[in-house]
C-alpha cells in the first residue's frame, strides 16, 4: 500500500470512529461498568470515594458547560477518539523514524 492509500485508510478509519462516537455514544448504558458493578455488589464501592489522585480530563463522559446531555456525551466521545488517534499516530511516526534511522 502506498503512502496516499495509507493516508486515505487512516482518514477513513478516523471518520468512521468519529461517526460511531457521535452517533452511538449518547446511547451508552447509564449502568455502572464492570469494575464499578463488582465493587457495588461486594460492598466496597464507598472506599473508592474521595479526592482522586489524578483528575479525569472529561469526568463522567460529559463536557462541562454543554447543557444537552446527548451532545455532551457525543463531544466527549469524539474528544477521546481524536486524542487516541493523535497519540497512536504520533507514536507510529516516531517508531517509523526510528526504524528508518537504524537501517544501514
N, C-alpha and C. Protein backbone atom coordinates (compact mmCIF):
# COMPACT_ATOMS: atom_id res chain seq x y z
N UNK A 1 0.85 -1.17 0.00
CA UNK A 1 0.00 0.00 0.00
C UNK A 1 0.90 1.24 0.00
N UNK A 2 0.65 2.17 -0.91
CA UNK A 2 1.49 3.36 -0.95
C UNK A 2 1.03 4.40 0.09
N UNK A 3 1.81 5.47 0.23
CA UNK A 3 1.52 6.47 1.26
C UNK A 3 0.16 7.13 1.08
N UNK A 4 -0.22 7.38 -0.18
CA UNK A 4 -1.53 8.02 -0.43
C UNK A 4 -2.68 7.11 0.02
N UNK A 5 -2.58 5.83 -0.30
CA UNK A 5 -3.62 4.88 0.11
C UNK A 5 -3.66 4.72 1.62
N UNK A 6 -2.48 4.71 2.25
CA UNK A 6 -2.43 4.60 3.72
C UNK A 6 -3.09 5.82 4.36
N UNK A 7 -2.81 7.00 3.83
CA UNK A 7 -3.40 8.22 4.37
C UNK A 7 -4.92 8.17 4.25
N UNK A 8 -5.42 7.71 3.09
CA UNK A 8 -6.87 7.58 2.90
C UNK A 8 -7.45 6.55 3.87
N UNK A 9 -6.72 5.47 4.10
CA UNK A 9 -7.16 4.45 5.05
C UNK A 9 -7.27 5.03 6.46
N UNK A 10 -6.25 5.78 6.89
CA UNK A 10 -6.27 6.40 8.22
C UNK A 10 -7.41 7.40 8.36
N UNK A 11 -7.58 8.24 7.36
CA UNK A 11 -8.64 9.24 7.41
C UNK A 11 -10.01 8.57 7.43
N UNK A 12 -10.18 7.53 6.60
CA UNK A 12 -11.44 6.80 6.58
C UNK A 12 -11.75 6.16 7.94
N UNK A 13 -10.74 5.52 8.52
CA UNK A 13 -10.93 4.91 9.84
C UNK A 13 -11.25 5.94 10.91
N UNK A 14 -10.55 7.08 10.84
CA UNK A 14 -10.81 8.16 11.81
C UNK A 14 -12.24 8.68 11.65
N UNK A 15 -12.69 8.89 10.43
CA UNK A 15 -14.06 9.38 10.21
C UNK A 15 -15.11 8.38 10.68
N UNK A 16 -14.86 7.09 10.47
CA UNK A 16 -15.79 6.07 10.96
C UNK A 16 -15.84 6.08 12.49
N UNK A 17 -14.67 6.17 13.13
CA UNK A 17 -14.63 6.20 14.60
C UNK A 17 -15.33 7.45 15.14
N UNK A 18 -15.15 8.59 14.48
CA UNK A 18 -15.84 9.82 14.91
C UNK A 18 -17.34 9.66 14.74
N UNK A 19 -17.77 9.08 13.63
CA UNK A 19 -19.21 8.87 13.41
C UNK A 19 -19.81 7.96 14.47
N UNK A 20 -19.10 6.89 14.82
CA UNK A 20 -19.57 5.99 15.88
C UNK A 20 -19.67 6.74 17.20
N UNK A 21 -18.63 7.52 17.54
CA UNK A 21 -18.64 8.27 18.79
C UNK A 21 -19.79 9.27 18.80
N UNK A 22 -20.01 9.94 17.70
CA UNK A 22 -21.06 10.95 17.62
C UNK A 22 -22.45 10.34 17.70
N UNK A 23 -22.65 9.26 16.95
CA UNK A 23 -24.00 8.70 16.83
C UNK A 23 -24.36 7.68 17.89
N UNK A 24 -23.37 6.92 18.39
CA UNK A 24 -23.70 5.84 19.32
C UNK A 24 -23.41 6.15 20.78
N UNK A 25 -22.45 7.03 21.06
CA UNK A 25 -22.11 7.28 22.47
C UNK A 25 -23.28 7.83 23.29
N UNK A 26 -24.19 8.62 22.72
CA UNK A 26 -25.33 9.05 23.53
C UNK A 26 -26.23 7.90 24.00
N UNK A 27 -26.11 6.73 23.36
CA UNK A 27 -26.92 5.59 23.74
C UNK A 27 -26.20 4.64 24.69
N UNK A 28 -25.03 5.03 25.16
CA UNK A 28 -24.27 4.18 26.09
C UNK A 28 -25.08 3.96 27.36
N UNK A 29 -24.88 2.84 27.95
CA UNK A 29 -25.62 2.47 29.15
C UNK A 29 -25.27 3.39 30.33
N UNK A 30 -26.27 3.73 31.08
CA UNK A 30 -26.07 4.53 32.29
C UNK A 30 -25.71 3.65 33.48
N UNK A 31 -25.76 2.34 33.28
CA UNK A 31 -25.43 1.40 34.35
C UNK A 31 -23.93 1.46 34.64
N UNK A 32 -23.54 1.07 35.85
CA UNK A 32 -22.11 1.07 36.18
C UNK A 32 -21.34 0.09 35.30
N UNK A 33 -20.06 0.42 35.05
CA UNK A 33 -19.24 -0.51 34.27
C UNK A 33 -18.92 -1.73 35.13
N UNK A 34 -18.19 -2.69 34.55
CA UNK A 34 -17.92 -3.96 35.23
C UNK A 34 -17.23 -3.81 36.57
N UNK A 35 -16.16 -3.02 36.62
CA UNK A 35 -15.40 -2.85 37.86
C UNK A 35 -16.25 -2.16 38.93
N UNK A 36 -16.96 -1.13 38.53
CA UNK A 36 -17.82 -0.42 39.48
C UNK A 36 -18.94 -1.32 39.99
N UNK A 37 -19.47 -2.15 39.11
CA UNK A 37 -20.55 -3.06 39.49
C UNK A 37 -20.08 -4.09 40.52
N UNK A 38 -18.88 -4.65 40.32
CA UNK A 38 -18.33 -5.62 41.26
C UNK A 38 -18.11 -4.95 42.62
N UNK A 39 -17.54 -3.74 42.61
CA UNK A 39 -17.32 -3.01 43.86
C UNK A 39 -18.65 -2.75 44.57
N UNK A 40 -19.67 -2.44 43.80
CA UNK A 40 -21.01 -2.21 44.38
C UNK A 40 -21.57 -3.51 44.96
N UNK A 41 -21.48 -4.60 44.21
CA UNK A 41 -22.01 -5.88 44.66
C UNK A 41 -21.27 -6.42 45.88
N UNK A 42 -19.95 -6.19 45.96
CA UNK A 42 -19.15 -6.71 47.06
C UNK A 42 -19.09 -5.76 48.25
N UNK A 43 -19.70 -4.59 48.10
CA UNK A 43 -19.84 -3.68 49.23
C UNK A 43 -18.63 -2.80 49.54
N UNK A 44 -17.73 -2.61 48.58
CA UNK A 44 -16.60 -1.73 48.88
C UNK A 44 -16.52 -0.52 47.92
N UNK A 45 -17.62 -0.19 47.30
CA UNK A 45 -17.66 0.94 46.38
C UNK A 45 -17.34 2.25 47.09
N UNK A 46 -17.83 2.40 48.31
CA UNK A 46 -17.63 3.65 49.05
C UNK A 46 -16.16 3.89 49.41
N UNK A 47 -15.36 2.84 49.49
CA UNK A 47 -13.94 3.01 49.79
C UNK A 47 -13.20 3.76 48.68
N UNK A 48 -13.74 3.71 47.49
CA UNK A 48 -13.12 4.38 46.35
C UNK A 48 -13.50 5.84 46.23
N UNK A 49 -14.40 6.29 47.06
CA UNK A 49 -14.83 7.70 47.02
C UNK A 49 -13.77 8.56 47.68
N UNK A 50 -13.74 9.80 47.31
CA UNK A 50 -12.78 10.73 47.88
C UNK A 50 -12.10 11.51 46.78
N UNK A 51 -11.10 12.25 47.16
CA UNK A 51 -10.40 13.08 46.21
C UNK A 51 -9.48 12.21 45.34
N UNK A 52 -9.63 12.28 44.01
CA UNK A 52 -8.78 11.46 43.15
C UNK A 52 -7.34 11.97 43.14
N UNK A 53 -6.43 11.06 42.94
CA UNK A 53 -5.02 11.43 42.85
C UNK A 53 -4.78 12.23 41.57
N UNK A 54 -5.37 11.78 40.48
CA UNK A 54 -5.30 12.48 39.21
C UNK A 54 -6.72 12.65 38.70
N UNK A 55 -7.08 13.87 38.35
CA UNK A 55 -8.43 14.13 37.88
C UNK A 55 -8.63 13.65 36.45
N UNK A 56 -9.83 13.22 36.15
CA UNK A 56 -10.17 12.78 34.80
C UNK A 56 -10.30 13.99 33.89
N UNK A 57 -9.79 13.89 32.65
CA UNK A 57 -9.90 15.03 31.75
C UNK A 57 -11.35 15.35 31.38
N UNK A 58 -12.17 14.32 31.26
CA UNK A 58 -13.60 14.50 30.97
C UNK A 58 -14.38 13.60 31.91
N UNK A 59 -14.61 14.06 33.15
CA UNK A 59 -15.29 13.20 34.12
C UNK A 59 -16.71 12.85 33.69
N UNK A 60 -17.06 11.61 33.90
CA UNK A 60 -18.39 11.07 33.60
C UNK A 60 -18.79 11.27 32.14
N UNK A 61 -17.80 11.35 31.25
CA UNK A 61 -18.04 11.48 29.81
C UNK A 61 -18.96 12.66 29.49
N UNK A 62 -18.75 13.77 30.18
CA UNK A 62 -19.56 14.96 29.98
C UNK A 62 -18.66 16.18 29.84
N UNK A 63 -18.91 16.99 28.84
CA UNK A 63 -18.15 18.21 28.63
C UNK A 63 -18.79 19.31 29.49
N UNK A 64 -18.02 19.89 30.41
CA UNK A 64 -18.58 20.94 31.26
C UNK A 64 -19.12 22.11 30.44
N UNK A 65 -20.28 22.59 30.82
CA UNK A 65 -20.87 23.75 30.16
C UNK A 65 -21.81 23.41 29.02
N UNK A 66 -21.80 22.17 28.54
CA UNK A 66 -22.72 21.77 27.47
C UNK A 66 -23.99 21.26 28.14
N UNK A 67 -25.08 21.95 27.88
CA UNK A 67 -26.34 21.67 28.58
C UNK A 67 -27.01 20.37 28.13
N UNK A 68 -26.98 20.09 26.85
CA UNK A 68 -27.66 18.89 26.35
C UNK A 68 -26.79 17.67 26.59
N UNK A 69 -27.33 16.74 27.35
CA UNK A 69 -26.55 15.56 27.77
C UNK A 69 -26.06 14.74 26.58
N UNK A 70 -26.91 14.51 25.58
CA UNK A 70 -26.51 13.70 24.43
C UNK A 70 -25.36 14.35 23.67
N UNK A 71 -25.39 15.68 23.54
CA UNK A 71 -24.33 16.39 22.83
C UNK A 71 -23.04 16.37 23.64
N UNK A 72 -23.17 16.53 24.93
CA UNK A 72 -22.00 16.50 25.81
C UNK A 72 -21.30 15.14 25.75
N UNK A 73 -22.10 14.08 25.77
CA UNK A 73 -21.55 12.73 25.69
C UNK A 73 -20.92 12.48 24.33
N UNK A 74 -21.57 12.94 23.27
CA UNK A 74 -21.02 12.76 21.92
C UNK A 74 -19.70 13.52 21.77
N UNK A 75 -19.63 14.73 22.28
CA UNK A 75 -18.40 15.51 22.20
C UNK A 75 -17.27 14.87 23.01
N UNK A 76 -17.63 14.30 24.14
CA UNK A 76 -16.63 13.58 24.95
C UNK A 76 -16.10 12.38 24.18
N UNK A 77 -16.99 11.66 23.51
CA UNK A 77 -16.58 10.51 22.70
C UNK A 77 -15.67 10.92 21.56
N UNK A 78 -16.01 12.00 20.87
CA UNK A 78 -15.18 12.49 19.77
C UNK A 78 -13.83 12.95 20.30
N UNK A 79 -13.82 13.61 21.44
CA UNK A 79 -12.54 14.04 22.04
C UNK A 79 -11.65 12.85 22.33
N UNK A 80 -12.23 11.79 22.86
CA UNK A 80 -11.47 10.58 23.15
C UNK A 80 -10.91 9.94 21.89
N UNK A 81 -11.72 9.90 20.83
CA UNK A 81 -11.27 9.34 19.56
C UNK A 81 -10.10 10.15 19.01
N UNK A 82 -10.24 11.48 19.00
CA UNK A 82 -9.18 12.34 18.46
C UNK A 82 -7.90 12.25 19.29
N UNK A 83 -8.04 12.20 20.61
CA UNK A 83 -6.86 12.09 21.47
C UNK A 83 -6.14 10.77 21.22
N UNK A 84 -6.91 9.68 21.21
CA UNK A 84 -6.32 8.36 20.99
C UNK A 84 -5.66 8.27 19.62
N UNK A 85 -6.33 8.78 18.60
CA UNK A 85 -5.76 8.77 17.25
C UNK A 85 -4.46 9.56 17.22
N UNK A 86 -4.46 10.73 17.85
CA UNK A 86 -3.26 11.56 17.87
C UNK A 86 -2.08 10.87 18.54
N UNK A 87 -2.33 10.23 19.67
CA UNK A 87 -1.27 9.53 20.39
C UNK A 87 -0.73 8.37 19.56
N UNK A 88 -1.61 7.55 19.01
CA UNK A 88 -1.18 6.39 18.23
C UNK A 88 -0.48 6.83 16.94
N UNK A 89 -1.00 7.84 16.28
CA UNK A 89 -0.38 8.34 15.05
C UNK A 89 1.02 8.89 15.35
N UNK A 90 1.13 9.66 16.43
CA UNK A 90 2.43 10.21 16.82
C UNK A 90 3.43 9.13 17.16
N UNK A 91 3.01 8.13 17.93
CA UNK A 91 3.91 7.02 18.27
C UNK A 91 4.31 6.24 17.02
N UNK A 92 3.37 6.05 16.12
CA UNK A 92 3.68 5.35 14.87
C UNK A 92 4.73 6.09 14.06
N UNK A 93 4.61 7.40 13.99
CA UNK A 93 5.60 8.19 13.25
C UNK A 93 6.97 8.13 13.93
N UNK A 94 6.99 8.17 15.25
CA UNK A 94 8.26 8.07 15.96
C UNK A 94 8.94 6.73 15.70
N UNK A 95 8.16 5.67 15.77
CA UNK A 95 8.71 4.34 15.52
C UNK A 95 9.18 4.18 14.08
N UNK A 96 8.45 4.78 13.16
CA UNK A 96 8.82 4.71 11.75
C UNK A 96 10.15 5.43 11.51
N UNK A 97 10.32 6.62 12.12
CA UNK A 97 11.58 7.36 12.01
C UNK A 97 12.72 6.58 12.63
N UNK A 98 12.47 6.01 13.76
CA UNK A 98 13.49 5.24 14.48
C UNK A 98 13.95 4.05 13.64
N UNK A 99 12.98 3.37 13.04
CA UNK A 99 13.31 2.21 12.20
C UNK A 99 14.10 2.65 10.98
N UNK A 100 13.72 3.78 10.39
CA UNK A 100 14.43 4.31 9.23
C UNK A 100 15.87 4.66 9.56
N UNK A 101 16.09 5.24 10.74
CA UNK A 101 17.43 5.63 11.16
C UNK A 101 18.32 4.44 11.45
N UNK A 102 17.76 3.30 11.79
CA UNK A 102 18.56 2.09 12.11
C UNK A 102 18.95 1.31 10.87
N UNK A 103 18.28 1.56 9.76
CA UNK A 103 18.61 0.82 8.54
C UNK A 103 20.00 1.20 8.04
N UNK A 104 20.78 0.22 7.55
CA UNK A 104 22.13 0.50 7.06
C UNK A 104 22.16 1.25 5.75
